[in-house]
Amino acid sequence: MDPEEEAQLSSRPWSARRPQSLLFSLIFIVLAVALVWQAFDYIGRGLGGVVPYLIVVGGPAIAAYYVWYFNLRNFDAEQPGQTPST
């Protein structure tokens, strides 16, 4: 592994490195599908009021956020509140 790759890996949290990031993304996608499935079951039986409708929207939204976080987020970009290094 060259020094540039090592520097890039060191700035990423453990959970956002490969293969952990792929496993966590898969877990969140499966969880989102299960939540939506359960919400549609509740809606079909007429149970839960507004909560199942919120789960239908919120489950995939949370999964999409974590898939982005674990796989696409640039951890090397300057974070808000940090002073630029020269």
PDB file of N, CA and C in Angstrom:
ATOM      1  N   MET A   1       0.857  -1.171   0.000  1.00  0.00           N
ATOM      2  CA  MET A   1       0.000   0.000   0.000  1.00  0.00           C
ATOM      3  C   MET A   1       0.903   1.235   0.000  1.00  0.00           C
ATOM      4  N   ASP A   2       0.631   2.157  -0.901  1.00  0.00           N
ATOM      5  CA  ASP A   2       1.467   3.351  -0.977  1.00  0.00           C
ATOM      6  C   ASP A   2       1.073   4.366   0.096  1.00  0.00           C
ATOM      7  N   PRO A   3       1.957   5.328   0.391  1.00  0.00           N
ATOM      8  CA  PRO A   3       1.685   6.291   1.478  1.00  0.00           C
ATOM      9  C   PRO A   3       0.411   7.104   1.282  1.00  0.00           C
ATOM     10  N   GLU A   4       0.058   7.403   0.029  1.00  0.00           N
ATOM     11  CA  GLU A   4      -1.163   8.176  -0.217  1.00  0.00           C
ATOM     12  C   GLU A   4      -2.402   7.386   0.206  1.00  0.00           C
ATOM     13  N   GLU A   5      -2.430   6.095  -0.101  1.00  0.00           N
ATOM     14  CA  GLU A   5      -3.561   5.251   0.307  1.00  0.00           C
ATOM     15  C   GLU A   5      -3.624   5.134   1.820  1.00  0.00           C
ATOM     16  N   GLU A   6      -2.471   4.995   2.471  1.00  0.00           N
ATOM     17  CA  GLU A   6      -2.443   4.905   3.934  1.00  0.00           C
ATOM     18  C   GLU A   6      -2.968   6.184   4.574  1.00  0.00           C
ATOM     19  N   ALA A   7      -2.587   7.331   4.023  1.00  0.00           N
ATOM     20  CA  ALA A   7      -3.063   8.611   4.564  1.00  0.00           C
ATOM     21  C   ALA A   7      -4.559   8.733   4.393  1.00  0.00           C
ATOM     22  N   GLN A   8      -5.086   8.281   3.258  1.00  0.00           N
ATOM     23  CA  GLN A   8      -6.525   8.357   3.028  1.00  0.00           C
ATOM     24  C   GLN A   8      -7.260   7.422   3.985  1.00  0.00           C
ATOM     25  N   LEU A   9      -6.747   6.229   4.187  1.00  0.00           N
ATOM     26  CA  LEU A   9      -7.401   5.286   5.086  1.00  0.00           C
ATOM     27  C   LEU A   9      -7.366   5.758   6.526  1.00  0.00           C
ATOM     28  N   SER A  10      -6.289   6.393   6.930  1.00  0.00           N
ATOM     29  CA  SER A  10      -6.176   6.807   8.322  1.00  0.00           C
ATOM     30  C   SER A  10      -7.180   7.895   8.682  1.00  0.00           C
ATOM     31  N   SER A  11      -7.654   8.668   7.704  1.00  0.00           N
ATOM     32  CA  SER A  11      -8.607   9.733   8.009  1.00  0.00           C
ATOM     33  C   SER A  11     -10.043   9.218   8.049  1.00  0.00           C
ATOM     34  N   ARG A  12     -10.276   8.028   7.550  1.00  0.00           N
ATOM     35  CA  ARG A  12     -11.621   7.447   7.550  1.00  0.00           C
ATOM     36  C   ARG A  12     -11.829   6.651   8.832  1.00  0.00           C
ATOM     37  N   PRO A  13     -13.005   6.737   9.426  1.00  0.00           N
ATOM     38  CA  PRO A  13     -13.295   5.895  10.590  1.00  0.00           C
ATOM     39  C   PRO A  13     -13.289   4.416  10.185  1.00  0.00           C
ATOM     40  N   TRP A  14     -13.082   3.553  11.155  1.00  0.00           N
ATOM     41  CA  TRP A  14     -13.026   2.118  10.905  1.00  0.00           C
ATOM     42  C   TRP A  14     -14.277   1.641  10.180  1.00  0.00           C
ATOM     43  N   SER A  15     -15.441   2.118  10.592  1.00  0.00           N
ATOM     44  CA  SER A  15     -16.703   1.646  10.015  1.00  0.00           C
ATOM     45  C   SER A  15     -16.898   2.083   8.567  1.00  0.00           C
ATOM     46  N   ALA A  16     -16.142   3.079   8.111  1.00  0.00           N
ATOM     47  CA  ALA A  16     -16.296   3.580   6.749  1.00  0.00           C
ATOM     48  C   ALA A  16     -15.243   3.012   5.801  1.00  0.00           C
ATOM     49  N   ARG A  17     -14.428   2.070   6.276  1.00  0.00           N
ATOM     50  CA  ARG A  17     -13.431   1.426   5.419  1.00  0.00           C
ATOM     51  C   ARG A  17     -14.027   0.155   4.833  1.00  0.00           C
ATOM     52  N   ARG A  18     -13.454  -0.287   3.723  1.00  0.00           N
ATOM     53  CA  ARG A  18     -13.886  -1.542   3.113  1.00  0.00           C
ATOM     54  C   ARG A  18     -13.332  -2.693   3.916  1.00  0.00           C
ATOM     55  N   PRO A  19     -13.941  -3.795   4.112  1.00  0.00           N
ATOM     56  CA  PRO A  19     -15.267  -4.239   3.709  1.00  0.00           C
ATOM     57  C   PRO A  19     -16.360  -3.887   4.713  1.00  0.00           C
ATOM     58  N   GLN A  20     -15.981  -3.256   5.846  1.00  0.00           N
ATOM     59  CA  GLN A  20     -16.978  -2.918   6.855  1.00  0.00           C
ATOM     60  C   GLN A  20     -18.072  -2.023   6.282  1.00  0.00           C
ATOM     61  N   SER A  21     -17.692  -1.061   5.442  1.00  0.00           N
ATOM     62  CA  SER A  21     -18.680  -0.129   4.911  1.00  0.00           C
ATOM     63  C   SER A  21     -19.724  -0.853   4.068  1.00  0.00           C
ATOM     64  N   LEU A  22     -19.292  -1.844   3.308  1.00  0.00           N
ATOM     65  CA  LEU A  22     -20.246  -2.608   2.491  1.00  0.00           C
ATOM     66  C   LEU A  22     -21.189  -3.432   3.364  1.00  0.00           C
ATOM     67  N   LEU A  23     -20.642  -4.036   4.421  1.00  0.00           N
ATOM     68  CA  LEU A  23     -21.470  -4.833   5.324  1.00  0.00           C
ATOM     69  C   LEU A  23     -22.491  -3.947   6.040  1.00  0.00           C
ATOM     70  N   PHE A  24     -22.052  -2.801   6.554  1.00  0.00           N
ATOM     71  CA  PHE A  24     -22.980  -1.909   7.249  1.00  0.00           C
ATOM     72  C   PHE A  24     -24.042  -1.361   6.294  1.00  0.00           C
ATOM     73  N   SER A  25     -23.652  -1.054   5.068  1.00  0.00           N
ATOM     74  CA  SER A  25     -24.625  -0.576   4.080  1.00  0.00           C
ATOM     75  C   SER A  25     -25.671  -1.653   3.799  1.00  0.00           C
ATOM     76  N   LEU A  26     -25.222  -2.885   3.638  1.00  0.00           N
ATOM     77  CA  LEU A  26     -26.151  -3.991   3.402  1.00  0.00           C
ATOM     78  C   LEU A  26     -27.109  -4.168   4.577  1.00  0.00           C
ATOM     79  N   ILE A  27     -26.590  -4.057   5.790  1.00  0.00           N
ATOM     80  CA  ILE A  27     -27.438  -4.176   6.985  1.00  0.00           C
ATOM     81  C   ILE A  27     -28.508  -3.086   6.994  1.00  0.00           C
ATOM     82  N   PHE A  28     -28.135  -1.844   6.684  1.00  0.00           N
ATOM     83  CA  PHE A  28     -29.116  -0.757   6.685  1.00  0.00           C
ATOM     84  C   PHE A  28     -30.141  -0.911   5.563  1.00  0.00           C
ATOM     85  N   ILE A  29     -29.730  -1.429   4.420  1.00  0.00           N
ATOM     86  CA  ILE A  29     -30.686  -1.650   3.326  1.00  0.00           C
ATOM     87  C   ILE A  29     -31.680  -2.740   3.713  1.00  0.00           C
ATOM     88  N   VAL A  30     -31.199  -3.834   4.295  1.00  0.00           N
ATOM     89  CA  VAL A  30     -32.093  -4.907   4.740  1.00  0.00           C
ATOM     90  C   VAL A  30     -33.037  -4.396   5.822  1.00  0.00           C
ATOM     91  N   LEU A  31     -32.531  -3.599   6.731  1.00  0.00           N
ATOM     92  CA  LEU A  31     -33.365  -3.026   7.788  1.00  0.00           C
ATOM     93  C   LEU A  31     -34.445  -2.113   7.203  1.00  0.00           C
ATOM     94  N   ALA A  32     -34.091  -1.302   6.212  1.00  0.00           N
ATOM     95  CA  ALA A  32     -35.073  -0.413   5.580  1.00  0.00           C
ATOM     96  C   ALA A  32     -36.167  -1.218   4.888  1.00  0.00           C
ATOM     97  N   VAL A  33     -35.798  -2.276   4.189  1.00  0.00           N
ATOM     98  CA  VAL A  33     -36.790  -3.119   3.516  1.00  0.00           C
ATOM     99  C   VAL A  33     -37.711  -3.764   4.550  1.00  0.00           C
ATOM    100  N   ALA A  34     -37.141  -4.250   5.639  1.00  0.00           N
ATOM    101  CA  ALA A  34     -37.955  -4.875   6.687  1.00  0.00           C
ATOM    102  C   ALA A  34     -38.911  -3.869   7.326  1.00  0.00           C
ATOM    103  N   LEU A  35     -38.433  -2.646   7.576  1.00  0.00           N
ATOM    104  CA  LEU A  35     -39.300  -1.622   8.168  1.00  0.00           C
ATOM    105  C   LEU A  35     -40.456  -1.261   7.233  1.00  0.00           C
ATOM    106  N   VAL A  36     -40.158  -1.088   5.956  1.00  0.00           N
ATOM    107  CA  VAL A  36     -41.204  -0.734   5.001  1.00  0.00           C
ATOM    108  C   VAL A  36     -42.196  -1.882   4.860  1.00  0.00           C
ATOM    109  N   TRP A  37     -41.708  -3.096   4.826  1.00  0.00           N
ATOM    110  CA  TRP A  37     -42.582  -4.273   4.741  1.00  0.00           C
ATOM    111  C   TRP A  37     -43.533  -4.295   5.952  1.00  0.00           C
ATOM    112  N   GLN A  38     -42.973  -4.104   7.144  1.00  0.00           N
ATOM    113  CA  GLN A  38     -43.795  -4.097   8.353  1.00  0.00           C
ATOM    114  C   GLN A  38     -44.783  -2.936   8.342  1.00  0.00           C
ATOM    115  N   ALA A  39     -44.363  -1.777   7.869  1.00  0.00           N
ATOM    116  CA  ALA A  39     -45.262  -0.626   7.808  1.00  0.00           C
ATOM    117  C   ALA A  39     -46.426  -0.895   6.860  1.00  0.00           C
ATOM    118  N   PHE A  40     -46.156  -1.475   5.697  1.00  0.00           N
ATOM    119  CA  PHE A  40     -47.243  -1.808   4.776  1.00  0.00           C
ATOM    120  C   PHE A  40     -48.185  -2.855   5.368  1.00  0.00           C
ATOM    121  N   ASP A  41     -47.632  -3.770   6.158  1.00  0.00           N
ATOM    122  CA  ASP A  41     -48.484  -4.752   6.839  1.00  0.00           C
ATOM    123  C   ASP A  41     -49.419  -4.050   7.829  1.00  0.00           C
ATOM    124  N   TYR A  42     -48.875  -3.121   8.608  1.00  0.00           N
ATOM    125  CA  TYR A  42     -49.705  -2.361   9.546  1.00  0.00           C
ATOM    126  C   TYR A  42     -50.755  -1.529   8.816  1.00  0.00           C
ATOM    127  N   ILE A  43     -50.359  -0.891   7.717  1.00  0.00           N
ATOM    128  CA  ILE A  43     -51.308  -0.091   6.948  1.00  0.00           C
ATOM    129  C   ILE A  43     -52.421  -0.980   6.407  1.00  0.00           C
ATOM    130  N   GLY A  44     -52.059  -2.155   5.918  1.00  0.00           N
ATOM    131  CA  GLY A  44     -53.053  -3.088   5.380  1.00  0.00           C
ATOM    132  C   GLY A  44     -54.032  -3.570   6.435  1.00  0.00           C
ATOM    133  N   ARG A  45     -53.569  -3.718   7.674  1.00  0.00           N
ATOM    134  CA  ARG A  45     -54.452  -4.158   8.761  1.00  0.00           C
ATOM    135  C   ARG A  45     -55.145  -2.988   9.450  1.00  0.00           C
ATOM    136  N   GLY A  46     -54.803  -1.765   9.066  1.00  0.00           N
ATOM    137  CA  GLY A  46     -55.442  -0.596   9.662  1.00  0.00           C
ATOM    138  C   GLY A  46     -54.941  -0.274  11.052  1.00  0.00           C
ATOM    139  N   LEU A  47     -53.710  -0.604  11.366  1.00  0.00           N
ATOM    140  CA  LEU A  47     -53.144  -0.367  12.695  1.00  0.00           C
ATOM    141  C   LEU A  47     -52.094   0.733  12.649  1.00  0.00           C
ATOM    142  N   GLY A  48     -51.873   1.404  13.761  1.00  0.00           N
ATOM    143  CA  GLY A  48     -50.728   2.277  13.922  1.00  0.00           C
ATOM    144  C   GLY A  48     -50.922   3.741  13.603  1.00  0.00           C
ATOM    145  N   GLY A  49     -52.031   4.118  13.023  1.00  0.00           N
ATOM    146  CA  GLY A  49     -52.249   5.535  12.728  1.00  0.00           C
ATOM    147  C   GLY A  49     -51.273   6.075  11.703  1.00  0.00           C
ATOM    148  N   VAL A  50     -50.604   7.177  12.039  1.00  0.00           N
ATOM    149  CA  VAL A  50     -49.696   7.844  11.110  1.00  0.00           C
ATOM    150  C   VAL A  50     -48.285   7.248  11.139  1.00  0.00           C
ATOM    151  N   VAL A  51     -47.943   6.511  12.172  1.00  0.00           N
ATOM    152  CA  VAL A  51     -46.580   5.990  12.334  1.00  0.00           C
ATOM    153  C   VAL A  51     -46.138   5.114  11.159  1.00  0.00           C
ATOM    154  N   PRO A  52     -46.950   4.159  10.678  1.00  0.00           N
ATOM    155  CA  PRO A  52     -46.489   3.365   9.531  1.00  0.00           C
ATOM    156  C   PRO A  52     -46.188   4.209   8.295  1.00  0.00           C
ATOM    157  N   TYR A  53     -46.948   5.274   8.084  1.00  0.00           N
ATOM    158  CA  TYR A  53     -46.689   6.146   6.935  1.00  0.00           C
ATOM    159  C   TYR A  53     -45.352   6.869   7.100  1.00  0.00           C
ATOM    160  N   LEU A  54     -45.031   7.253   8.329  1.00  0.00           N
ATOM    161  CA  LEU A  54     -43.736   7.883   8.596  1.00  0.00           C
ATOM    162  C   LEU A  54     -42.591   6.886   8.398  1.00  0.00           C
ATOM    163  N   ILE A  55     -42.824   5.628   8.762  1.00  0.00           N
ATOM    164  CA  ILE A  55     -41.804   4.595   8.583  1.00  0.00           C
ATOM    165  C   ILE A  55     -41.556   4.326   7.103  1.00  0.00           C
ATOM    166  N   VAL A  56     -42.609   4.370   6.284  1.00  0.00           N
ATOM    167  CA  VAL A  56     -42.447   4.145   4.844  1.00  0.00           C
ATOM    168  C   VAL A  56     -41.509   5.197   4.247  1.00  0.00           C
ATOM    169  N   VAL A  57     -41.572   6.419   4.748  1.00  0.00           N
ATOM    170  CA  VAL A  57     -40.692   7.479   4.256  1.00  0.00           C
ATOM    171  C   VAL A  57     -39.354   7.467   4.998  1.00  0.00           C
ATOM    172  N   GLY A  58     -39.395   7.329   6.306  1.00  0.00           N
ATOM    173  CA  GLY A  58     -38.191   7.448   7.124  1.00  0.00           C
ATOM    174  C   GLY A  58     -37.221   6.291   7.021  1.00  0.00           C
ATOM    175  N   GLY A  59     -37.709   5.077   6.885  1.00  0.00           N
ATOM    176  CA  GLY A  59     -36.830   3.908   6.802  1.00  0.00           C
ATOM    177  C   GLY A  59     -35.856   3.997   5.637  1.00  0.00           C
ATOM    178  N   PRO A  60     -36.355   4.183   4.411  1.00  0.00           N
ATOM    179  CA  PRO A  60     -35.426   4.309   3.281  1.00  0.00           C
ATOM    180  C   PRO A  60     -34.558   5.572   3.350  1.00  0.00           C
ATOM    181  N   ALA A  61     -35.085   6.656   3.921  1.00  0.00           N
ATOM    182  CA  ALA A  61     -34.291   7.883   4.028  1.00  0.00           C
ATOM    183  C   ALA A  61     -33.086   7.672   4.944  1.00  0.00           C
ATOM    184  N   ILE A  62     -33.296   7.010   6.059  1.00  0.00           N
ATOM    185  CA  ILE A  62     -32.187   6.731   6.977  1.00  0.00           C
ATOM    186  C   ILE A  62     -31.190   5.772   6.341  1.00  0.00           C
ATOM    187  N   ALA A  63     -31.688   4.755   5.651  1.00  0.00           N
ATOM    188  CA  ALA A  63     -30.788   3.817   4.974  1.00  0.00           C
ATOM    189  C   ALA A  63     -29.971   4.529   3.906  1.00  0.00           C
ATOM    190  N   ALA A  64     -30.598   5.405   3.140  1.00  0.00           N
ATOM    191  CA  ALA A  64     -29.875   6.142   2.099  1.00  0.00           C
ATOM    192  C   ALA A  64     -28.790   7.022   2.717  1.00  0.00           C
ATOM    193  N   TYR A  65     -29.090   7.654   3.835  1.00  0.00           N
ATOM    194  CA  TYR A  65     -28.088   8.494   4.498  1.00  0.00           C
ATOM    195  C   TYR A  65     -26.877   7.656   4.913  1.00  0.00           C
ATOM    196  N   TYR A  66     -27.107   6.514   5.539  1.00  0.00           N
ATOM    197  CA  TYR A  66     -25.984   5.711   6.005  1.00  0.00           C
ATOM    198  C   TYR A  66     -25.219   5.050   4.869  1.00  0.00           C
ATOM    199  N   VAL A  67     -25.873   4.704   3.778  1.00  0.00           N
ATOM    200  CA  VAL A  67     -25.148   4.202   2.609  1.00  0.00           C
ATOM    201  C   VAL A  67     -24.228   5.305   2.089  1.00  0.00           C
ATOM    202  N   TRP A  68     -24.727   6.528   2.027  1.00  0.00           N
ATOM    203  CA  TRP A  68     -23.884   7.663   1.624  1.00  0.00           C
ATOM    204  C   TRP A  68     -22.732   7.847   2.607  1.00  0.00           C
ATOM    205  N   TYR A  69     -23.037   7.831   3.900  1.00  0.00           N
ATOM    206  CA  TYR A  69     -22.017   8.068   4.924  1.00  0.00           C
ATOM    207  C   TYR A  69     -20.907   7.033   4.850  1.00  0.00           C
ATOM    208  N   PHE A  70     -21.251   5.754   4.768  1.00  0.00           N
ATOM    209  CA  PHE A  70     -20.246   4.702   4.791  1.00  0.00           C
ATOM    210  C   PHE A  70     -19.476   4.578   3.485  1.00  0.00           C
ATOM    211  N   ASN A  71     -20.069   4.948   2.346  1.00  0.00           N
ATOM    212  CA  ASN A  71     -19.430   4.688   1.061  1.00  0.00           C
ATOM    213  C   ASN A  71     -19.031   5.926   0.273  1.00  0.00           C
ATOM    214  N   LEU A  72     -19.753   7.010   0.379  1.00  0.00           N
ATOM    215  CA  LEU A  72     -19.533   8.136  -0.513  1.00  0.00           C
ATOM    216  C   LEU A  72     -19.000   9.396   0.162  1.00  0.00           C
ATOM    217  N   ARG A  73     -19.141   9.519   1.450  1.00  0.00           N
ATOM    218  CA  ARG A  73     -18.730  10.734   2.146  1.00  0.00           C
ATOM    219  C   ARG A  73     -17.226  10.924   2.038  1.00  0.00           C
ATOM    220  N   ASN A  74     -16.806  12.161   1.813  1.00  0.00           N
ATOM    221  CA  ASN A  74     -15.392  12.501   1.730  1.00  0.00           C
ATOM    222  C   ASN A  74     -14.926  12.945   3.111  1.00  0.00           C
ATOM    223  N   PHE A  75     -14.260  12.064   3.821  1.00  0.00           N
ATOM    224  CA  PHE A  75     -13.800  12.377   5.167  1.00  0.00           C
ATOM    225  C   PHE A  75     -12.598  13.310   5.159  1.00  0.00           C
ATOM    226  N   ASP A  76     -11.960  13.465   3.999  1.00  0.00           N
ATOM    227  CA  ASP A  76     -10.800  14.338   3.904  1.00  0.00           C
ATOM    228  C   ASP A  76     -11.182  15.794   3.719  1.00  0.00           C
ATOM    229  N   ALA A  77     -12.421  16.068   3.350  1.00  0.00           N
ATOM    230  CA  ALA A  77     -12.865  17.451   3.152  1.00  0.00           C
ATOM    231  C   ALA A  77     -12.843  18.177   4.487  1.00  0.00           C
ATOM    232  N   GLU A  78     -12.625  19.464   4.422  1.00  0.00           N
ATOM    233  CA  GLU A  78     -12.577  20.269   5.641  1.00  0.00           C
ATOM    234  C   GLU A  78     -13.928  20.271   6.328  1.00  0.00           C
ATOM    235  N   GLN A  79     -13.924  20.017   7.609  1.00  0.00           N
ATOM    236  CA  GLN A  79     -15.142  19.988   8.398  1.00  0.00           C
ATOM    237  C   GLN A  79     -15.459  21.400   8.891  1.00  0.00           C
ATOM    238  N   PRO A  80     -16.737  21.739   9.061  1.00  0.00           N
ATOM    239  CA  PRO A  80     -17.094  23.065   9.581  1.00  0.00           C
ATOM    240  C   PRO A  80     -16.478  23.293  10.955  1.00  0.00           C
ATOM    241  N   GLY A  81     -15.973  24.489  11.173  1.00  0.00           N
ATOM    242  CA  GLY A  81     -15.390  24.826  12.458  1.00  0.00           C
ATOM    243  C   GLY A  81     -13.888  24.581  12.528  1.00  0.00           C
ATOM    244  N   GLN A  82     -13.323  23.906  11.543  1.00  0.00           N
ATOM    245  CA  GLN A  82     -11.888  23.678  11.535  1.00  0.00           C
ATOM    246  C   GLN A  82     -11.197  24.840  10.843  1.00  0.00           C
ATOM    247  N   THR A  83     -10.016  25.154  11.295  1.00  0.00           N
ATOM    248  CA  THR A  83      -9.234  26.182  10.619  1.00  0.00           C
ATOM    249  C   THR A  83      -8.444  25.534   9.492  1.00  0.00           C
ATOM    250  N   PRO A  84      -8.336  26.199   8.357  1.00  0.00           N
ATOM    251  CA  PRO A  84      -7.601  25.605   7.242  1.00  0.00           C
ATOM    252  C   PRO A  84      -6.116  25.463   7.592  1.00  0.00           C
ATOM    253  N   SER A  85      -5.564  24.326   7.245  1.00  0.00           N
ATOM    254  CA  SER A  85      -4.124  24.118   7.496  1.00  0.00           C
ATOM    255  C   SER A  85      -3.327  24.614   6.310  1.00  0.00           C
ATOM    256  N   THR A  86      -2.202  25.211   6.591  1.00  0.00           N
ATOM    257  CA  THR A  86      -1.371  25.756   5.499  1.00  0.00           C
ATOM    258  C   THR A  86      -0.064  25.027   5.400  1.00  0.00           C
TER     259      THR A  86
END
